[in-house]
Protein backbone atom coordinates (compact mmCIF):
# COMPACT_ATOMS: atom_id res chain seq x y z
CA MET A 1 -23.94 -11.43 27.73
CA PRO A 2 -24.48 -12.72 24.02
CA ILE A 3 -24.09 -10.45 21.25
CA GLU A 4 -27.51 -10.94 19.20
CA ASP A 5 -27.29 -11.22 15.84
CA THR A 6 -29.46 -8.12 14.55
CA SER A 7 -29.32 -8.39 10.42
CA SER A 8 -31.93 -9.69 9.58
CA GLN A 9 -33.87 -6.87 11.46
CA PHE A 10 -31.95 -4.11 9.51
CA ILE A 11 -31.99 -6.13 6.30
CA GLU A 12 -36.36 -5.62 7.22
CA PHE A 13 -35.98 -2.30 8.25
CA TYR A 14 -33.71 -1.44 5.13
CA LYS A 15 -36.68 -3.44 2.99
CA LYS A 16 -39.60 -1.43 4.78
CA LYS A 17 -37.79 1.96 4.35
CA ALA A 18 -37.64 1.70 0.75
CA ARG A 19 -40.84 0.42 0.10
CA ASN A 20 -42.40 3.75 2.36
CA LEU A 21 -39.88 6.01 0.09
CA VAL A 22 -41.33 4.49 -3.18
CA GLU A 23 -44.95 5.16 -2.13
CA ILE A 24 -44.40 8.40 -1.04
CA ALA A 25 -41.93 9.25 -4.00
CA MET A 26 -45.03 8.02 -6.37
CA ASN A 27 -47.30 10.31 -4.60
CA HIS A 28 -44.68 13.25 -5.45
CA TYR A 29 -44.98 12.27 -8.69
CA LYS A 30 -48.68 12.49 -9.12
CA ASN A 31 -48.33 15.85 -7.82
CA ARG A 32 -46.00 17.00 -10.15
CA GLU A 33 -43.27 17.24 -8.28
CA LEU A 34 -40.39 14.92 -10.57
CA LYS A 35 -37.42 16.34 -8.33
CA LYS A 36 -38.60 15.60 -4.92
CA SER A 37 -39.49 12.25 -7.07
CA CYS A 38 -36.58 11.96 -8.12
CA GLU A 39 -34.53 12.53 -4.48
CA LEU A 40 -36.69 9.54 -2.73
CA LEU A 41 -36.46 7.26 -5.47
CA SER A 42 -32.38 7.32 -5.20
CA GLN A 43 -32.58 6.84 -1.52
CA ALA A 44 -35.03 3.95 -2.16
CA TYR A 45 -32.69 2.55 -4.21
CA THR A 46 -29.72 2.88 -1.72
CA PHE A 47 -31.84 1.23 0.38
CA TYR A 48 -33.33 -1.40 -1.47
CA LYS A 49 -29.46 -2.03 -2.24
CA LYS A 50 -28.23 -2.35 1.25
CA ALA A 51 -31.21 -5.20 2.08
CA GLY A 52 -29.86 -6.90 -1.11
CA GLU A 53 -32.95 -6.49 -3.44
CA SER A 54 -31.39 -5.97 -6.52
CA ASP A 55 -34.28 -6.68 -8.65
CA ASN A 56 -36.25 -4.19 -6.52
CA ALA A 57 -33.37 -1.68 -6.61
CA GLU A 58 -33.29 -2.02 -10.40
CA GLN A 59 -37.32 -1.46 -10.24
CA VAL A 60 -36.78 1.55 -8.80
CA LYS A 61 -33.79 2.75 -10.68
CA LYS A 62 -35.43 2.63 -13.74
CA ARG A 63 -38.28 4.25 -12.89
CA PHE A 64 -36.31 7.09 -11.20
CA GLU A 65 -34.63 7.26 -15.06
CA GLU A 66 -37.74 7.66 -16.37
CA ILE A 67 -38.86 10.18 -14.31
CA LYS A 68 -35.21 12.31 -14.54
CA ALA A 69 -35.57 11.85 -17.84
CA GLU A 70 -39.61 13.57 -18.56
CA LEU A 71 -37.86 15.95 -15.53
CA LYS A 72 -35.59 16.87 -18.48
CA SER A 73 -37.44 17.36 -20.87
CA GLY A 74 -39.34 19.57 -18.89
CA VAL A 75 -43.02 17.55 -19.88
């Protein structure tokens, strides 16, 4: 029995997981749960990197840094 190449399935899984994490992170952000939002965005960044989605990863990183700065400033 030949081994099936499942790499494309993993990539799609990573993208979907990252999108879901970003959505949940934004819900936490709206509820002013900034620390949790940052944690989820960090995970999303990792999944986008695994999927080879550099542009999306950089957008998530930028948003993470904005929220982290807001968290540190105590806004």
